[in-house]
């Protein structure tokens, strides 16, 4: 498997995995960690929200059908917070009910994955979502920097105009 992420653990993307079944959670965490990701885990939607406050998360991978707070409800809660609004959310389900997928997408999920799945395909989908989110963030950062430069130039032009007006008043015939 081709891993393109930095070797330094603190630079690797962090995935928040939410799965109520401890055994499944352990398998997912181990396999994703082996693929080069930093993993944070939670066994419920409420625990996932707490982890989002604790860590900078690059992607959320959750079970769609969970007790108390479903994956769709978790997606809606995440999308409701400005600081988390752009985190990619992928939901996994063992049922192939189109209504569940429609509900998940309507709540803000970026992808719904049907079990059983090939882990290599899941890794590729995760990688693509994280790369795309990072690209969008880089575009936002570049736009913000460009906006700051435009404002700086506008201020400089305004100052030059003011200086020109002062010079015209001082020396009306020289200019």
C-alpha atoms as a PDB file:
ATOM      1  CA  UNK A   1       0.000   0.000   0.000  1.00  0.00           C
ATOM      2  CA  UNK A   2       1.350   3.433  -0.946  1.00  0.00           C
ATOM      3  CA  UNK A   3       1.417   5.729   2.089  1.00  0.00           C
ATOM      4  CA  UNK A   4       2.075   9.344   1.218  1.00  0.00           C
ATOM      5  CA  UNK A   5       1.916  10.831   4.678  1.00  0.00           C
ATOM      6  CA  UNK A   6       4.891  12.177   6.618  1.00  0.00           C
ATOM      7  CA  UNK A   7       6.846   9.748   8.766  1.00  0.00           C
ATOM      8  CA  UNK A   8       6.621  11.983  11.839  1.00  0.00           C
ATOM      9  CA  UNK A   9       3.594  10.759  13.845  1.00  0.00           C
ATOM     10  CA  UNK A  10       2.458  14.276  14.776  1.00  0.00           C
ATOM     11  CA  UNK A  11       2.192  15.188  11.077  1.00  0.00           C
ATOM     12  CA  UNK A  12       0.064  12.201  10.045  1.00  0.00           C
ATOM     13  CA  UNK A  13      -3.667  12.739   9.546  1.00  0.00           C
ATOM     14  CA  UNK A  14      -5.804  11.950  12.604  1.00  0.00           C
ATOM     15  CA  UNK A  15      -8.952   9.884  12.136  1.00  0.00           C
ATOM     16  CA  UNK A  16     -11.666   9.733  14.764  1.00  0.00           C
ATOM     17  CA  UNK A  17     -13.211   6.245  14.645  1.00  0.00           C
ATOM     18  CA  UNK A  18     -16.599   5.799  16.340  1.00  0.00           C
ATOM     19  CA  UNK A  19     -17.823   2.245  16.764  1.00  0.00           C
ATOM     20  CA  UNK A  20     -19.929   0.939  19.678  1.00  0.00           C
ATOM     21  CA  UNK A  21     -18.595  -2.623  19.303  1.00  0.00           C
ATOM     22  CA  UNK A  22     -15.212  -2.731  21.110  1.00  0.00           C
ATOM     23  CA  UNK A  23     -13.922  -5.627  18.999  1.00  0.00           C
ATOM     24  CA  UNK A  24     -14.755  -3.887  15.710  1.00  0.00           C
ATOM     25  CA  UNK A  25     -13.342  -0.630  17.068  1.00  0.00           C
ATOM     26  CA  UNK A  26     -10.041  -2.339  17.868  1.00  0.00           C
ATOM     27  CA  UNK A  27      -9.767  -3.903  14.414  1.00  0.00           C
ATOM     28  CA  UNK A  28     -10.555  -0.616  12.648  1.00  0.00           C
ATOM     29  CA  UNK A  29      -8.105   1.325  14.803  1.00  0.00           C
ATOM     30  CA  UNK A  30      -5.320  -1.202  14.257  1.00  0.00           C
ATOM     31  CA  UNK A  31      -5.797  -1.422  10.483  1.00  0.00           C
ATOM     32  CA  UNK A  32      -5.990   2.364  10.061  1.00  0.00           C
ATOM     33  CA  UNK A  33      -2.949   2.848  12.262  1.00  0.00           C
ATOM     34  CA  UNK A  34      -1.033   0.324  10.149  1.00  0.00           C
ATOM     35  CA  UNK A  35      -2.012   2.393   7.098  1.00  0.00           C
ATOM     36  CA  UNK A  36      -0.207   5.393   8.575  1.00  0.00           C
ATOM     37  CA  UNK A  37      -2.954   7.318  10.340  1.00  0.00           C
ATOM     38  CA  UNK A  38      -3.094   8.583  13.907  1.00  0.00           C
ATOM     39  CA  UNK A  39      -6.221   7.173  15.486  1.00  0.00           C
ATOM     40  CA  UNK A  40      -8.548   8.513  18.136  1.00  0.00           C
ATOM     41  CA  UNK A  41     -11.438   6.274  19.137  1.00  0.00           C
ATOM     42  CA  UNK A  42     -14.853   6.642  20.700  1.00  0.00           C
ATOM     43  CA  UNK A  43     -17.631   4.160  21.392  1.00  0.00           C
ATOM     44  CA  UNK A  44     -20.530   6.626  21.151  1.00  0.00           C
ATOM     45  CA  UNK A  45     -21.563   9.886  19.528  1.00  0.00           C
ATOM     46  CA  UNK A  46     -21.242  11.769  22.825  1.00  0.00           C
ATOM     47  CA  UNK A  47     -17.709  10.440  23.338  1.00  0.00           C
ATOM     48  CA  UNK A  48     -16.888  11.427  19.739  1.00  0.00           C
ATOM     49  CA  UNK A  49     -17.985  15.020  20.377  1.00  0.00           C
ATOM     50  CA  UNK A  50     -15.710  15.115  23.436  1.00  0.00           C
ATOM     51  CA  UNK A  51     -12.794  13.860  21.313  1.00  0.00           C
ATOM     52  CA  UNK A  52     -13.453  16.541  18.699  1.00  0.00           C
ATOM     53  CA  UNK A  53     -12.958  19.138  21.430  1.00  0.00           C
ATOM     54  CA  UNK A  54      -9.727  17.432  22.568  1.00  0.00           C
ATOM     55  CA  UNK A  55      -7.992  16.813  19.243  1.00  0.00           C
ATOM     56  CA  UNK A  56      -7.618  18.287  15.812  1.00  0.00           C
ATOM     57  CA  UNK A  57      -9.355  15.684  13.640  1.00  0.00           C
ATOM     58  CA  UNK A  58      -8.805  15.266   9.897  1.00  0.00           C
ATOM     59  CA  UNK A  59     -11.634  12.782   9.253  1.00  0.00           C
ATOM     60  CA  UNK A  60     -14.516  11.179  11.148  1.00  0.00           C
ATOM     61  CA  UNK A  61     -15.297   7.509  10.449  1.00  0.00           C
ATOM     62  CA  UNK A  62     -18.405   6.345  12.282  1.00  0.00           C
ATOM     63  CA  UNK A  63     -20.916   3.556  12.326  1.00  0.00           C
ATOM     64  CA  UNK A  64     -24.230   4.764  10.894  1.00  0.00           C
ATOM     65  CA  UNK A  65     -26.416   2.712  13.237  1.00  0.00           C
ATOM     66  CA  UNK A  66     -25.376   3.378  16.829  1.00  0.00           C
ATOM     67  CA  UNK A  67     -27.438   3.461  20.017  1.00  0.00           C
ATOM     68  CA  UNK A  68     -28.404   6.832  21.560  1.00  0.00           C
ATOM     69  CA  UNK A  69     -26.853   8.977  18.784  1.00  0.00           C
ATOM     70  CA  UNK A  70     -26.803   7.584  15.242  1.00  0.00           C
ATOM     71  CA  UNK A  71     -24.032   8.365  12.801  1.00  0.00           C
ATOM     72  CA  UNK A  72     -26.416  10.689  10.964  1.00  0.00           C
ATOM     73  CA  UNK A  73     -27.197  12.558  14.192  1.00  0.00           C
ATOM     74  CA  UNK A  74     -23.468  12.782  14.899  1.00  0.00           C
ATOM     75  CA  UNK A  75     -22.876  14.172  11.394  1.00  0.00           C
ATOM     76  CA  UNK A  76     -25.587  16.786  11.959  1.00  0.00           C
ATOM     77  CA  UNK A  77     -24.008  17.770  15.302  1.00  0.00           C
ATOM     78  CA  UNK A  78     -20.575  18.087  13.703  1.00  0.00           C
ATOM     79  CA  UNK A  79     -21.909  20.151  10.801  1.00  0.00           C
ATOM     80  CA  UNK A  80     -23.644  22.416  13.326  1.00  0.00           C
ATOM     81  CA  UNK A  81     -20.315  23.600  14.728  1.00  0.00           C
ATOM     82  CA  UNK A  82     -18.371  26.112  12.642  1.00  0.00           C
ATOM     83  CA  UNK A  83     -14.949  24.834  13.736  1.00  0.00           C
ATOM     84  CA  UNK A  84     -15.781  21.285  12.565  1.00  0.00           C
ATOM     85  CA  UNK A  85     -17.903  22.084   9.543  1.00  0.00           C
ATOM     86  CA  UNK A  86     -15.275  21.048   6.997  1.00  0.00           C
ATOM     87  CA  UNK A  87     -14.140  17.783   8.599  1.00  0.00           C
ATOM     88  CA  UNK A  88     -14.886  14.931   6.190  1.00  0.00           C
ATOM     89  CA  UNK A  89     -17.409  12.461   7.634  1.00  0.00           C
ATOM     90  CA  UNK A  90     -17.662   8.877   6.422  1.00  0.00           C
ATOM     91  CA  UNK A  91     -20.334   6.569   7.784  1.00  0.00           C
ATOM     92  CA  UNK A  92     -20.261   2.765   7.661  1.00  0.00           C
ATOM     93  CA  UNK A  93     -23.391   0.638   7.585  1.00  0.00           C
ATOM     94  CA  UNK A  94     -24.199  -3.037   7.364  1.00  0.00           C
ATOM     95  CA  UNK A  95     -27.625  -2.379   5.897  1.00  0.00           C
ATOM     96  CA  UNK A  96     -28.292  -1.454   2.304  1.00  0.00           C
ATOM     97  CA  UNK A  97     -31.346   0.684   2.879  1.00  0.00           C
ATOM     98  CA  UNK A  98     -31.273   3.636   0.496  1.00  0.00           C
ATOM     99  CA  UNK A  99     -33.278   5.690   3.016  1.00  0.00           C
ATOM    100  CA  UNK A 100     -30.461   5.341   5.577  1.00  0.00           C
ATOM    101  CA  UNK A 101     -27.884   6.604   3.095  1.00  0.00           C
ATOM    102  CA  UNK A 102     -30.134   9.480   2.031  1.00  0.00           C
ATOM    103  CA  UNK A 103     -30.628  10.400   5.702  1.00  0.00           C
ATOM    104  CA  UNK A 104     -26.858  10.281   6.292  1.00  0.00           C
ATOM    105  CA  UNK A 105     -26.089  12.494   3.307  1.00  0.00           C
ATOM    106  CA  UNK A 106     -28.843  14.882   4.332  1.00  0.00           C
ATOM    107  CA  UNK A 107     -27.255  15.165   7.774  1.00  0.00           C
ATOM    108  CA  UNK A 108     -23.902  16.139   6.281  1.00  0.00           C
ATOM    109  CA  UNK A 109     -22.015  12.882   5.707  1.00  0.00           C
ATOM    110  CA  UNK A 110     -19.571  12.950   2.816  1.00  0.00           C
ATOM    111  CA  UNK A 111     -19.661   9.227   2.164  1.00  0.00           C
ATOM    112  CA  UNK A 112     -21.629   6.129   3.202  1.00  0.00           C
ATOM    113  CA  UNK A 113     -19.771   2.834   3.024  1.00  0.00           C
ATOM    114  CA  UNK A 114     -21.611  -0.458   2.894  1.00  0.00           C
ATOM    115  CA  UNK A 115     -20.257  -3.505   4.737  1.00  0.00           C
ATOM    116  CA  UNK A 116     -18.589  -5.727   3.855  1.00  0.00           C
ATOM    117  CA  UNK A 117     -15.906  -3.581   2.246  1.00  0.00           C
ATOM    118  CA  UNK A 118     -12.329  -4.104   1.143  1.00  0.00           C
ATOM    119  CA  UNK A 119     -10.061  -2.372   3.595  1.00  0.00           C
ATOM    120  CA  UNK A 120      -7.743  -1.186   0.812  1.00  0.00           C
ATOM    121  CA  UNK A 121     -10.670   0.560  -0.860  1.00  0.00           C
ATOM    122  CA  UNK A 122     -11.669   2.159   2.453  1.00  0.00           C
ATOM    123  CA  UNK A 123      -8.094   3.421   2.899  1.00  0.00           C
ATOM    124  CA  UNK A 124      -8.118   4.862  -0.633  1.00  0.00           C
ATOM    125  CA  UNK A 125     -11.434   6.621   0.008  1.00  0.00           C
ATOM    126  CA  UNK A 126     -10.176   8.000   3.329  1.00  0.00           C
ATOM    127  CA  UNK A 127      -6.964   9.208   1.703  1.00  0.00           C
ATOM    128  CA  UNK A 128      -8.920  10.942  -1.056  1.00  0.00           C
ATOM    129  CA  UNK A 129     -11.252  12.685   1.410  1.00  0.00           C
ATOM    130  CA  UNK A 130      -8.359  13.900   3.573  1.00  0.00           C
ATOM    131  CA  UNK A 131      -6.331  15.074   0.562  1.00  0.00           C
ATOM    132  CA  UNK A 132      -9.342  16.966  -0.774  1.00  0.00           C
ATOM    133  CA  UNK A 133     -10.055  18.589   2.600  1.00  0.00           C
ATOM    134  CA  UNK A 134      -6.405  19.661   2.889  1.00  0.00           C
ATOM    135  CA  UNK A 135      -6.477  21.063  -0.649  1.00  0.00           C
ATOM    136  CA  UNK A 136      -9.624  23.075   0.114  1.00  0.00           C
ATOM    137  CA  UNK A 137      -8.036  24.376   3.330  1.00  0.00           C
ATOM    138  CA  UNK A 138      -4.901  25.375   1.411  1.00  0.00           C
ATOM    139  CA  UNK A 139      -7.068  27.262  -1.097  1.00  0.00           C
ATOM    140  CA  UNK A 140      -8.804  29.068   1.777  1.00  0.00           C
ATOM    141  CA  UNK A 141      -5.459  29.955   3.338  1.00  0.00           C
ATOM    142  CA  UNK A 142      -4.132  31.197  -0.010  1.00  0.00           C
ATOM    143  CA  UNK A 143      -7.288  33.276  -0.580  1.00  0.00           C
ATOM    144  CA  UNK A 144      -6.996  34.797   2.894  1.00  0.00           C
ATOM    145  CA  UNK A 145      -3.347  35.694   2.229  1.00  0.00           C
ATOM    146  CA  UNK A 146      -4.290  37.193  -1.138  1.00  0.00           C
ATOM    147  CA  UNK A 147      -7.117  39.189   0.465  1.00  0.00           C
ATOM    148  CA  UNK A 148      -4.665  40.518   3.067  1.00  0.00           C
ATOM    149  CA  UNK A 149      -2.259  41.589   0.300  1.00  0.00           C
ATOM    150  CA  UNK A 150      -5.079  43.341  -1.581  1.00  0.00           C
ATOM    151  CA  UNK A 151      -6.052  45.242   1.577  1.00  0.00           C
ATOM    152  CA  UNK A 152      -2.410  46.155   2.210  1.00  0.00           C
ATOM    153  CA  UNK A 153      -2.027  47.466  -1.350  1.00  0.00           C
ATOM    154  CA  UNK A 154      -5.279  49.433  -1.092  1.00  0.00           C
ATOM    155  CA  UNK A 155      -4.005  51.089   2.073  1.00  0.00           C
ATOM    156  CA  UNK A 156      -0.701  51.920   0.373  1.00  0.00           C
ATOM    157  CA  UNK A 157      -2.530  53.438  -2.616  1.00  0.00           C
ATOM    158  CA  UNK A 158      -4.705  55.485  -0.265  1.00  0.00           C
ATOM    159  CA  UNK A 159      -1.628  56.758   1.566  1.00  0.00           C
ATOM    160  CA  UNK A 160       0.051  57.673  -1.732  1.00  0.00           C
ATOM    161  CA  UNK A 161      -3.074  59.585  -2.832  1.00  0.00           C
ATOM    162  CA  UNK A 162      -3.066  61.472   0.468  1.00  0.00           C
ATOM    163  CA  UNK A 163       0.609  62.344   0.008  1.00  0.00           C
ATOM    164  CA  UNK A 164      -0.087  63.494  -3.537  1.00  0.00           C
ATOM    165  CA  UNK A 165      -2.920  65.770  -2.316  1.00  0.00           C
ATOM    166  CA  UNK A 166      -0.637  67.272   0.323  1.00  0.00           C
ATOM    167  CA  UNK A 167       2.063  67.911  -2.297  1.00  0.00           C
ATOM    168  CA  UNK A 168      -0.474  69.562  -4.620  1.00  0.00           C
ATOM    169  CA  UNK A 169      -1.555  71.876  -1.825  1.00  0.00           C
ATOM    170  CA  UNK A 170       2.066  72.742  -0.904  1.00  0.00           C
ATOM    171  CA  UNK A 171       3.255  73.275  -4.444  1.00  0.00           C
ATOM    172  CA  UNK A 172       0.248  73.903  -6.674  1.00  0.00           C
ATOM    173  CA  UNK A 173       2.318  74.910  -9.740  1.00  0.00           C
ATOM    174  CA  UNK A 174       5.071  72.282  -9.458  1.00  0.00           C
ATOM    175  CA  UNK A 175       2.821  69.272 -10.129  1.00  0.00           C
END
